[in-house]
Amino acid sequence: MEKNSATRSDRGTDPRRCCVRAIGVMIGAIAALALIAMTLITVIDVAGRYLFNAPLSGADELTVITLAIAVFSGLPLAIARRGMISVEVLSVMMPPRMQLAARIFADLVSGGFVAYCAWQIALKAEKIASYGDTSMFLRIPMAPLAGVIAGATFISALVFVGLALSGLPWPTRNPENKT
């Protein structure tokens, strides 16, 4: 019993887990700040419109930009927490090892698909940058936003691969057994 409790406490100090946790906290903070900004933009726009007959100029564009940042920064977090919709029709009838294999396969296929999407978004970001696309009213450059979306999508692909790798049965070293 003591061995398990020591193993659990070691997990909290594992540098890889701490790094992944820190990245998750940073990404979550970005998503939260984007949602807060979107809320403030909406409140200021509505209050200005109804109280002073002066809506916030460019509120629609700012809302779209902050929504994109919130959604795409939240995507890796949702994937890491397995917060996606999944249909388990056949997997519940499979033996546990087959379920694990199916989950690893699904994570790898999903990671590949999301990586492809990230690549396509990055290509689109380059094209947007080449012709200097900006938002219509506020003239905010769109290439950096497309780059952020591509980066967040690529991180999402890495999370899928990480989930697949974490499901693999890795050999463990037993210091007591030196064979």
N, C-alpha and C. Protein backbone atom coordinates (compact mmCIF):
# COMPACT_ATOMS: atom_id res chain seq x y z
N MET A 1 0.82 -1.19 0.00
CA MET A 1 0.00 0.00 0.00
C MET A 1 0.86 1.26 0.00
N GLU A 2 1.96 1.24 0.75
CA GLU A 2 2.85 2.39 0.79
C GLU A 2 3.46 2.66 -0.57
N LYS A 3 3.75 1.59 -1.30
CA LYS A 3 4.36 1.74 -2.61
C LYS A 3 3.46 2.54 -3.55
N ASN A 4 2.14 2.26 -3.54
CA ASN A 4 1.20 3.00 -4.38
C ASN A 4 1.13 4.46 -3.99
N SER A 5 1.11 4.75 -2.69
CA SER A 5 1.01 6.15 -2.28
C SER A 5 2.27 6.91 -2.66
N ALA A 6 3.44 6.25 -2.61
CA ALA A 6 4.68 6.90 -3.02
C ALA A 6 4.65 7.17 -4.53
N THR A 7 4.11 6.22 -5.29
CA THR A 7 4.02 6.40 -6.72
C THR A 7 3.10 7.56 -7.06
N ARG A 8 2.00 7.67 -6.36
CA ARG A 8 1.08 8.78 -6.62
C ARG A 8 1.72 10.12 -6.31
N SER A 9 2.48 10.21 -5.22
CA SER A 9 3.10 11.49 -4.89
C SER A 9 4.21 11.82 -5.87
N ASP A 10 4.87 10.78 -6.44
CA ASP A 10 5.91 11.03 -7.43
C ASP A 10 5.32 11.61 -8.72
N ARG A 11 4.09 11.26 -9.03
CA ARG A 11 3.46 11.76 -10.25
C ARG A 11 3.37 13.28 -10.24
N GLY A 12 3.12 13.86 -9.09
CA GLY A 12 3.00 15.31 -9.00
C GLY A 12 4.30 16.03 -9.23
N THR A 13 5.42 15.36 -9.03
CA THR A 13 6.72 16.00 -9.20
C THR A 13 7.39 15.62 -10.52
N ASP A 14 6.77 14.79 -11.32
CA ASP A 14 7.33 14.41 -12.61
C ASP A 14 7.41 15.66 -13.48
N PRO A 15 8.63 16.04 -13.94
CA PRO A 15 8.77 17.28 -14.71
C PRO A 15 7.93 17.31 -15.98
N ARG A 16 7.76 16.16 -16.63
CA ARG A 16 6.94 16.14 -17.85
C ARG A 16 5.50 16.47 -17.54
N ARG A 17 4.98 15.87 -16.48
CA ARG A 17 3.59 16.14 -16.10
C ARG A 17 3.41 17.59 -15.67
N CYS A 18 4.40 18.11 -14.94
CA CYS A 18 4.33 19.51 -14.50
C CYS A 18 4.35 20.45 -15.70
N CYS A 19 5.17 20.14 -16.70
CA CYS A 19 5.27 20.96 -17.91
C CYS A 19 3.95 20.92 -18.69
N VAL A 20 3.41 19.73 -18.85
CA VAL A 20 2.14 19.59 -19.57
C VAL A 20 1.04 20.32 -18.82
N ARG A 21 1.03 20.19 -17.50
CA ARG A 21 0.03 20.88 -16.70
C ARG A 21 0.17 22.39 -16.84
N ALA A 22 1.40 22.90 -16.83
CA ALA A 22 1.63 24.34 -16.97
C ALA A 22 1.16 24.85 -18.33
N ILE A 23 1.44 24.07 -19.37
CA ILE A 23 0.97 24.45 -20.71
C ILE A 23 -0.55 24.47 -20.74
N GLY A 24 -1.16 23.47 -20.13
CA GLY A 24 -2.62 23.44 -20.07
C GLY A 24 -3.20 24.63 -19.34
N VAL A 25 -2.55 25.03 -18.26
CA VAL A 25 -3.02 26.20 -17.50
C VAL A 25 -2.89 27.46 -18.36
N MET A 26 -1.77 27.59 -19.07
CA MET A 26 -1.58 28.77 -19.94
C MET A 26 -2.63 28.82 -21.05
N ILE A 27 -2.87 27.68 -21.69
CA ILE A 27 -3.86 27.64 -22.76
C ILE A 27 -5.25 27.93 -22.20
N GLY A 28 -5.54 27.38 -21.03
CA GLY A 28 -6.82 27.66 -20.39
C GLY A 28 -6.98 29.14 -20.05
N ALA A 29 -5.89 29.76 -19.61
CA ALA A 29 -5.93 31.19 -19.30
C ALA A 29 -6.20 32.01 -20.55
N ILE A 30 -5.60 31.62 -21.67
CA ILE A 30 -5.84 32.33 -22.93
C ILE A 30 -7.31 32.20 -23.32
N ALA A 31 -7.85 31.00 -23.23
CA ALA A 31 -9.26 30.79 -23.55
C ALA A 31 -10.16 31.61 -22.63
N ALA A 32 -9.84 31.61 -21.34
CA ALA A 32 -10.65 32.36 -20.38
C ALA A 32 -10.58 33.86 -20.65
N LEU A 33 -9.39 34.36 -20.94
CA LEU A 33 -9.25 35.80 -21.24
C LEU A 33 -10.01 36.17 -22.51
N ALA A 34 -9.99 35.30 -23.50
CA ALA A 34 -10.75 35.57 -24.72
C ALA A 34 -12.25 35.62 -24.43
N LEU A 35 -12.73 34.70 -23.58
CA LEU A 35 -14.16 34.72 -23.22
C LEU A 35 -14.51 35.97 -22.42
N ILE A 36 -13.63 36.36 -21.51
CA ILE A 36 -13.87 37.59 -20.73
C ILE A 36 -13.89 38.80 -21.65
N ALA A 37 -12.94 38.86 -22.58
CA ALA A 37 -12.89 39.98 -23.53
C ALA A 37 -14.16 40.02 -24.37
N MET A 38 -14.60 38.85 -24.83
CA MET A 38 -15.82 38.79 -25.63
C MET A 38 -17.03 39.27 -24.84
N THR A 39 -17.08 38.89 -23.57
CA THR A 39 -18.17 39.33 -22.70
C THR A 39 -18.13 40.84 -22.51
N LEU A 40 -16.96 41.38 -22.24
CA LEU A 40 -16.83 42.83 -22.05
C LEU A 40 -17.20 43.59 -23.32
N ILE A 41 -16.76 43.10 -24.46
CA ILE A 41 -17.10 43.74 -25.73
C ILE A 41 -18.61 43.78 -25.92
N THR A 42 -19.26 42.67 -25.64
CA THR A 42 -20.72 42.59 -25.81
C THR A 42 -21.43 43.51 -24.83
N VAL A 43 -21.00 43.52 -23.58
CA VAL A 43 -21.64 44.39 -22.57
C VAL A 43 -21.46 45.86 -22.95
N ILE A 44 -20.26 46.24 -23.33
CA ILE A 44 -20.00 47.64 -23.71
C ILE A 44 -20.81 48.01 -24.95
N ASP A 45 -20.88 47.10 -25.91
CA ASP A 45 -21.64 47.37 -27.13
C ASP A 45 -23.12 47.54 -26.83
N VAL A 46 -23.69 46.62 -26.06
CA VAL A 46 -25.12 46.69 -25.74
C VAL A 46 -25.42 47.92 -24.88
N ALA A 47 -24.60 48.16 -23.86
CA ALA A 47 -24.83 49.33 -23.00
C ALA A 47 -24.71 50.62 -23.81
N GLY A 48 -23.70 50.70 -24.65
CA GLY A 48 -23.53 51.89 -25.48
C GLY A 48 -24.69 52.08 -26.44
N ARG A 49 -25.17 50.98 -26.99
CA ARG A 49 -26.27 51.05 -27.96
C ARG A 49 -27.57 51.52 -27.30
N TYR A 50 -27.91 50.96 -26.14
CA TYR A 50 -29.21 51.25 -25.53
C TYR A 50 -29.20 52.44 -24.58
N LEU A 51 -28.07 52.69 -23.93
CA LEU A 51 -28.03 53.81 -22.98
C LEU A 51 -27.60 55.12 -23.63
N PHE A 52 -26.68 55.04 -24.58
CA PHE A 52 -26.13 56.27 -25.15
C PHE A 52 -26.35 56.39 -26.66
N ASN A 53 -27.05 55.43 -27.23
CA ASN A 53 -27.29 55.40 -28.66
C ASN A 53 -25.96 55.46 -29.44
N ALA A 54 -24.92 54.82 -28.88
CA ALA A 54 -23.60 54.81 -29.50
C ALA A 54 -22.97 53.44 -29.31
N PRO A 55 -23.23 52.53 -30.24
CA PRO A 55 -22.64 51.18 -30.11
C PRO A 55 -21.12 51.23 -30.25
N LEU A 56 -20.47 50.19 -29.77
CA LEU A 56 -19.03 50.07 -29.88
C LEU A 56 -18.65 49.78 -31.33
N SER A 57 -17.83 50.65 -31.89
CA SER A 57 -17.42 50.47 -33.29
C SER A 57 -16.57 49.21 -33.41
N GLY A 58 -16.91 48.36 -34.37
CA GLY A 58 -16.14 47.15 -34.63
C GLY A 58 -16.40 46.02 -33.65
N ALA A 59 -17.48 46.13 -32.88
CA ALA A 59 -17.77 45.09 -31.88
C ALA A 59 -17.96 43.72 -32.53
N ASP A 60 -18.59 43.69 -33.70
CA ASP A 60 -18.81 42.41 -34.38
C ASP A 60 -17.48 41.75 -34.73
N GLU A 61 -16.56 42.52 -35.28
CA GLU A 61 -15.25 41.97 -35.65
C GLU A 61 -14.48 41.50 -34.42
N LEU A 62 -14.49 42.30 -33.37
CA LEU A 62 -13.79 41.92 -32.14
C LEU A 62 -14.38 40.66 -31.53
N THR A 63 -15.71 40.54 -31.59
CA THR A 63 -16.37 39.36 -31.06
C THR A 63 -15.98 38.11 -31.85
N VAL A 64 -15.93 38.22 -33.17
CA VAL A 64 -15.55 37.08 -34.01
C VAL A 64 -14.11 36.67 -33.71
N ILE A 65 -13.22 37.64 -33.57
CA ILE A 65 -11.80 37.34 -33.31
C ILE A 65 -11.63 36.67 -31.94
N THR A 66 -12.27 37.24 -30.91
CA THR A 66 -12.14 36.64 -29.58
C THR A 66 -12.81 35.27 -29.51
N LEU A 67 -13.90 35.09 -30.25
CA LEU A 67 -14.55 33.78 -30.30
C LEU A 67 -13.63 32.74 -30.93
N ALA A 68 -12.96 33.11 -32.01
CA ALA A 68 -12.03 32.18 -32.66
C ALA A 68 -10.89 31.81 -31.71
N ILE A 69 -10.37 32.79 -30.99
CA ILE A 69 -9.29 32.51 -30.04
C ILE A 69 -9.79 31.60 -28.92
N ALA A 70 -10.98 31.87 -28.40
CA ALA A 70 -11.53 31.05 -27.32
C ALA A 70 -11.76 29.61 -27.77
N VAL A 71 -12.35 29.44 -28.93
CA VAL A 71 -12.67 28.09 -29.42
C VAL A 71 -11.40 27.29 -29.70
N PHE A 72 -10.47 27.88 -30.44
CA PHE A 72 -9.29 27.12 -30.84
C PHE A 72 -8.28 26.96 -29.71
N SER A 73 -8.29 27.84 -28.72
CA SER A 73 -7.41 27.60 -27.57
C SER A 73 -8.05 26.60 -26.61
N GLY A 74 -9.36 26.51 -26.63
CA GLY A 74 -10.04 25.52 -25.80
C GLY A 74 -10.03 24.12 -26.39
N LEU A 75 -9.79 24.01 -27.69
CA LEU A 75 -9.81 22.71 -28.36
C LEU A 75 -8.81 21.71 -27.78
N PRO A 76 -7.53 22.07 -27.59
CA PRO A 76 -6.61 21.08 -27.01
C PRO A 76 -7.00 20.67 -25.59
N LEU A 77 -7.58 21.60 -24.85
CA LEU A 77 -8.02 21.27 -23.48
C LEU A 77 -9.17 20.28 -23.50
N ALA A 78 -10.13 20.50 -24.40
CA ALA A 78 -11.26 19.58 -24.50
C ALA A 78 -10.80 18.19 -24.92
N ILE A 79 -9.84 18.15 -25.84
CA ILE A 79 -9.32 16.85 -26.30
C ILE A 79 -8.58 16.16 -25.16
N ALA A 80 -7.74 16.91 -24.44
CA ALA A 80 -6.96 16.32 -23.35
C ALA A 80 -7.87 15.75 -22.26
N ARG A 81 -9.01 16.36 -22.05
CA ARG A 81 -9.96 15.87 -21.03
C ARG A 81 -10.96 14.89 -21.60
N ARG A 82 -10.74 14.53 -22.86
CA ARG A 82 -11.65 13.63 -23.59
C ARG A 82 -13.08 14.15 -23.53
N GLY A 83 -13.22 15.44 -23.79
CA GLY A 83 -14.53 16.08 -23.74
C GLY A 83 -15.25 16.08 -25.07
N MET A 84 -14.81 15.22 -26.00
CA MET A 84 -15.46 15.16 -27.30
C MET A 84 -16.64 14.19 -27.22
N ILE A 85 -17.53 14.35 -28.16
CA ILE A 85 -18.66 13.42 -28.27
C ILE A 85 -18.13 12.13 -28.89
N SER A 86 -18.43 11.01 -28.26
CA SER A 86 -18.02 9.73 -28.83
C SER A 86 -19.18 8.75 -28.75
N VAL A 87 -19.29 7.95 -29.76
CA VAL A 87 -20.36 6.95 -29.82
C VAL A 87 -19.73 5.59 -29.59
N GLU A 88 -20.19 4.92 -28.56
CA GLU A 88 -19.64 3.61 -28.21
C GLU A 88 -20.67 2.52 -28.47
N VAL A 89 -20.77 2.15 -29.72
CA VAL A 89 -21.73 1.13 -30.10
C VAL A 89 -21.10 -0.25 -30.01
N LEU A 90 -19.97 -0.40 -30.68
CA LEU A 90 -19.32 -1.70 -30.72
C LEU A 90 -18.31 -1.88 -29.60
N SER A 91 -17.69 -0.79 -29.16
CA SER A 91 -16.60 -0.92 -28.20
C SER A 91 -17.04 -1.51 -26.86
N VAL A 92 -18.28 -1.29 -26.47
CA VAL A 92 -18.74 -1.85 -25.19
C VAL A 92 -18.83 -3.37 -25.23
N MET A 93 -18.88 -3.94 -26.43
CA MET A 93 -18.96 -5.40 -26.55
C MET A 93 -17.57 -6.02 -26.72
N MET A 94 -16.54 -5.19 -26.82
CA MET A 94 -15.18 -5.69 -27.01
C MET A 94 -14.53 -6.01 -25.67
N PRO A 95 -13.57 -6.93 -25.69
CA PRO A 95 -12.79 -7.16 -24.46
C PRO A 95 -11.94 -5.92 -24.16
N PRO A 96 -11.52 -5.74 -22.90
CA PRO A 96 -10.78 -4.53 -22.50
C PRO A 96 -9.54 -4.23 -23.35
N ARG A 97 -8.77 -5.24 -23.70
CA ARG A 97 -7.56 -4.99 -24.52
C ARG A 97 -7.94 -4.49 -25.90
N MET A 98 -9.02 -5.00 -26.45
CA MET A 98 -9.48 -4.56 -27.77
C MET A 98 -10.02 -3.13 -27.68
N GLN A 99 -10.69 -2.81 -26.57
CA GLN A 99 -11.16 -1.43 -26.36
C GLN A 99 -9.99 -0.47 -26.33
N LEU A 100 -8.93 -0.86 -25.61
CA LEU A 100 -7.73 -0.02 -25.53
C LEU A 100 -7.11 0.16 -26.91
N ALA A 101 -7.00 -0.92 -27.67
CA ALA A 101 -6.43 -0.84 -29.02
C ALA A 101 -7.28 0.06 -29.91
N ALA A 102 -8.60 -0.06 -29.80
CA ALA A 102 -9.49 0.78 -30.61
C ALA A 102 -9.35 2.25 -30.23
N ARG A 103 -9.23 2.53 -28.94
CA ARG A 103 -9.07 3.92 -28.48
C ARG A 103 -7.74 4.50 -28.97
N ILE A 104 -6.67 3.70 -28.88
CA ILE A 104 -5.36 4.17 -29.37
C ILE A 104 -5.43 4.43 -30.87
N PHE A 105 -6.04 3.51 -31.61
CA PHE A 105 -6.19 3.69 -33.06
C PHE A 105 -6.99 4.95 -33.38
N ALA A 106 -8.10 5.14 -32.68
CA ALA A 106 -8.94 6.32 -32.91
C ALA A 106 -8.18 7.61 -32.59
N ASP A 107 -7.40 7.60 -31.50
CA ASP A 107 -6.61 8.78 -31.15
C ASP A 107 -5.57 9.08 -32.23
N LEU A 108 -4.91 8.05 -32.76
CA LEU A 108 -3.90 8.26 -33.79
C LEU A 108 -4.53 8.76 -35.10
N VAL A 109 -5.65 8.19 -35.48
CA VAL A 109 -6.35 8.64 -36.69
C VAL A 109 -6.83 10.08 -36.50
N SER A 110 -7.40 10.36 -35.34
CA SER A 110 -7.87 11.72 -35.07
C SER A 110 -6.72 12.71 -35.06
N GLY A 111 -5.60 12.31 -34.46
CA GLY A 111 -4.41 13.17 -34.45
C GLY A 111 -3.91 13.45 -35.85
N GLY A 112 -3.91 12.42 -36.70
CA GLY A 112 -3.50 12.61 -38.08
C GLY A 112 -4.42 13.55 -38.84
N PHE A 113 -5.70 13.38 -38.64
CA PHE A 113 -6.68 14.24 -39.32
C PHE A 113 -6.55 15.68 -38.84
N VAL A 114 -6.42 15.88 -37.54
CA VAL A 114 -6.30 17.24 -37.00
C VAL A 114 -4.97 17.86 -37.42
N ALA A 115 -3.91 17.07 -37.51
CA ALA A 115 -2.62 17.58 -38.01
C ALA A 115 -2.75 18.03 -39.47
N TYR A 116 -3.48 17.27 -40.26
CA TYR A 116 -3.73 17.66 -41.65
C TYR A 116 -4.49 18.99 -41.70
N CYS A 117 -5.50 19.11 -40.85
CA CYS A 117 -6.27 20.37 -40.79
C CYS A 117 -5.36 21.53 -40.39
N ALA A 118 -4.48 21.31 -39.41
CA ALA A 118 -3.55 22.36 -38.97
C ALA A 118 -2.64 22.78 -40.12
N TRP A 119 -2.17 21.81 -40.88
CA TRP A 119 -1.31 22.10 -42.03
C TRP A 119 -2.06 22.95 -43.06
N GLN A 120 -3.31 22.58 -43.35
CA GLN A 120 -4.11 23.33 -44.31
C GLN A 120 -4.39 24.76 -43.80
N ILE A 121 -4.65 24.89 -42.52
CA ILE A 121 -4.88 26.22 -41.95
C ILE A 121 -3.61 27.06 -42.02
N ALA A 122 -2.46 26.42 -41.77
CA ALA A 122 -1.18 27.14 -41.87
C ALA A 122 -0.93 27.61 -43.30
N LEU A 123 -1.24 26.78 -44.28
CA LEU A 123 -1.11 27.20 -45.68
C LEU A 123 -2.02 28.38 -45.99
N LYS A 124 -3.23 28.33 -45.45
CA LYS A 124 -4.18 29.45 -45.65
C LYS A 124 -3.67 30.71 -44.95
N ALA A 125 -3.06 30.55 -43.78
CA ALA A 125 -2.51 31.70 -43.06
C ALA A 125 -1.40 32.36 -43.88
N GLU A 126 -0.56 31.54 -44.53
CA GLU A 126 0.49 32.08 -45.39
C GLU A 126 -0.11 32.86 -46.56
N LYS A 127 -1.16 32.31 -47.14
CA LYS A 127 -1.82 32.97 -48.27
C LYS A 127 -2.44 34.30 -47.81
N ILE A 128 -3.08 34.28 -46.66
CA ILE A 128 -3.69 35.50 -46.10
C ILE A 128 -2.60 36.55 -45.86
N ALA A 129 -1.47 36.11 -45.34
CA ALA A 129 -0.37 37.04 -45.08
C ALA A 129 0.19 37.61 -46.39
N SER A 130 0.22 36.78 -47.43
CA SER A 130 0.81 37.23 -48.70
C SER A 130 0.00 38.36 -49.34
N TYR A 131 -1.31 38.34 -49.17
CA TYR A 131 -2.09 39.45 -49.74
C TYR A 131 -2.59 40.43 -48.69
N GLY A 132 -2.09 40.30 -47.45
CA GLY A 132 -2.34 41.31 -46.42
C GLY A 132 -3.80 41.50 -46.04
N ASP A 133 -4.53 40.41 -45.93
CA ASP A 133 -5.95 40.49 -45.58
C ASP A 133 -6.13 41.09 -44.18
N THR A 134 -7.10 41.98 -44.07
CA THR A 134 -7.44 42.60 -42.77
C THR A 134 -8.94 42.52 -42.56
N SER A 135 -9.36 42.77 -41.34
CA SER A 135 -10.80 42.83 -41.07
C SER A 135 -11.36 44.06 -41.77
N MET A 136 -12.64 44.02 -42.07
CA MET A 136 -13.24 45.04 -42.91
C MET A 136 -13.30 46.42 -42.24
N PHE A 137 -13.71 46.47 -41.00
CA PHE A 137 -13.96 47.76 -40.36
C PHE A 137 -12.75 48.28 -39.59
N LEU A 138 -12.17 47.45 -38.75
CA LEU A 138 -11.06 47.88 -37.90
C LEU A 138 -9.69 47.69 -38.54
N ARG A 139 -9.63 47.01 -39.68
CA ARG A 139 -8.39 46.75 -40.40
C ARG A 139 -7.37 45.97 -39.56
N ILE A 140 -7.86 45.00 -38.80
CA ILE A 140 -6.99 44.13 -38.00
C ILE A 140 -6.44 43.06 -38.94
N PRO A 141 -5.11 42.87 -38.98
CA PRO A 141 -4.55 41.82 -39.84
C PRO A 141 -5.06 40.43 -39.45
N MET A 142 -5.45 39.66 -40.45
CA MET A 142 -6.03 38.34 -40.20
C MET A 142 -4.99 37.23 -40.17
N ALA A 143 -3.81 37.45 -40.75
CA ALA A 143 -2.79 36.40 -40.80
C ALA A 143 -2.35 35.94 -39.40
N PRO A 144 -2.11 36.86 -38.46
CA PRO A 144 -1.73 36.38 -37.12
C PRO A 144 -2.83 35.52 -36.47
N LEU A 145 -4.08 35.89 -36.68
CA LEU A 145 -5.18 35.09 -36.12
C LEU A 145 -5.20 33.71 -36.76
N ALA A 146 -5.03 33.65 -38.07
CA ALA A 146 -4.98 32.35 -38.76
C ALA A 146 -3.79 31.53 -38.27
N GLY A 147 -2.67 32.19 -37.98
CA GLY A 147 -1.50 31.50 -37.44
C GLY A 147 -1.77 30.93 -36.06
N VAL A 148 -2.46 31.70 -35.22
CA VAL A 148 -2.83 31.22 -33.88
C VAL A 148 -3.76 30.01 -33.99
N ILE A 149 -4.71 30.09 -34.90
CA ILE A 149 -5.64 28.98 -35.11
C ILE A 149 -4.88 27.73 -35.59
N ALA A 150 -3.95 27.92 -36.52
CA ALA A 150 -3.15 26.78 -37.01
C ALA A 150 -2.32 26.19 -35.88
N GLY A 151 -1.69 27.05 -35.06
CA GLY A 151 -0.88 26.57 -33.94
C GLY A 151 -1.70 25.80 -32.92
N ALA A 152 -2.87 26.34 -32.58
CA ALA A 152 -3.73 25.65 -31.61
C ALA A 152 -4.24 24.33 -32.16
N THR A 153 -4.50 24.28 -33.46
CA THR A 153 -4.94 23.04 -34.08
C THR A 153 -3.81 22.01 -34.09
N PHE A 154 -2.59 22.47 -34.34
CA PHE A 154 -1.44 21.56 -34.29
C PHE A 154 -1.23 21.02 -32.88
N ILE A 155 -1.38 21.89 -31.87
CA ILE A 155 -1.28 21.44 -30.47
C ILE A 155 -2.35 20.38 -30.20
N SER A 156 -3.53 20.57 -30.76
CA SER A 156 -4.61 19.60 -30.59
C SER A 156 -4.22 18.24 -31.18
N ALA A 157 -3.55 18.26 -32.33
CA ALA A 157 -3.08 17.01 -32.93
C ALA A 157 -2.06 16.33 -32.02
N LEU A 158 -1.17 17.13 -31.44
CA LEU A 158 -0.18 16.56 -30.52
C LEU A 158 -0.85 15.96 -29.28
N VAL A 159 -1.91 16.58 -28.83
CA VAL A 159 -2.64 16.05 -27.67
C VAL A 159 -3.23 14.68 -28.01
N PHE A 160 -3.81 14.55 -29.21
CA PHE A 160 -4.33 13.24 -29.62
C PHE A 160 -3.23 12.19 -29.63
N VAL A 161 -2.08 12.54 -30.18
CA VAL A 161 -0.95 11.59 -30.21
C VAL A 161 -0.50 11.27 -28.79
N GLY A 162 -0.46 12.28 -27.93
CA GLY A 162 -0.10 12.05 -26.52
C GLY A 162 -1.07 11.12 -25.83
N LEU A 163 -2.36 11.28 -26.12
CA LEU A 163 -3.36 10.37 -25.54
C LEU A 163 -3.15 8.94 -26.03
N ALA A 164 -2.84 8.82 -27.31
CA ALA A 164 -2.59 7.47 -27.87
C ALA A 164 -1.37 6.85 -27.20
N LEU A 165 -0.31 7.62 -27.06
CA LEU A 165 0.91 7.08 -26.44
C LEU A 165 0.71 6.76 -24.97
N SER A 166 -0.11 7.55 -24.30
CA SER A 166 -0.34 7.28 -22.87
C SER A 166 -1.16 6.01 -22.66
N GLY A 167 -1.86 5.56 -23.69
CA GLY A 167 -2.64 4.34 -23.58
C GLY A 167 -1.83 3.08 -23.87
N LEU A 168 -0.61 3.26 -24.40
CA LEU A 168 0.22 2.09 -24.71
C LEU A 168 0.74 1.44 -23.44
N PRO A 169 0.82 0.13 -23.42
CA PRO A 169 1.39 -0.55 -22.25
C PRO A 169 2.91 -0.48 -22.28
N TRP A 170 3.47 0.51 -21.61
CA TRP A 170 4.93 0.69 -21.59
C TRP A 170 5.56 -0.26 -20.58
N PRO A 171 6.72 -0.82 -20.94
CA PRO A 171 7.44 -1.66 -19.97
C PRO A 171 7.95 -0.79 -18.82
N THR A 172 7.86 -1.31 -17.63
CA THR A 172 8.32 -0.54 -16.47
C THR A 172 9.57 -1.20 -15.91
N ARG A 173 10.43 -0.36 -15.37
CA ARG A 173 11.63 -0.89 -14.73
C ARG A 173 11.33 -1.18 -13.28
N ASN A 174 11.72 -2.35 -12.86
CA ASN A 174 11.53 -2.73 -11.47
C ASN A 174 12.92 -2.82 -10.84
N PRO A 175 13.28 -1.86 -9.97
CA PRO A 175 14.63 -1.88 -9.41
C PRO A 175 14.89 -3.10 -8.55
N GLU A 176 13.86 -3.74 -8.04
CA GLU A 176 14.06 -4.91 -7.20
C GLU A 176 14.36 -6.14 -8.03
N ASN A 177 13.90 -6.16 -9.28
CA ASN A 177 14.10 -7.31 -10.16
C ASN A 177 15.14 -6.96 -11.19
N LYS A 178 16.39 -7.41 -10.99
CA LYS A 178 17.49 -7.07 -11.89
C LYS A 178 17.82 -8.24 -12.80
N THR A 179 16.86 -8.57 -13.66
CA THR A 179 17.09 -9.69 -14.58
C THR A 179 17.47 -9.22 -15.95
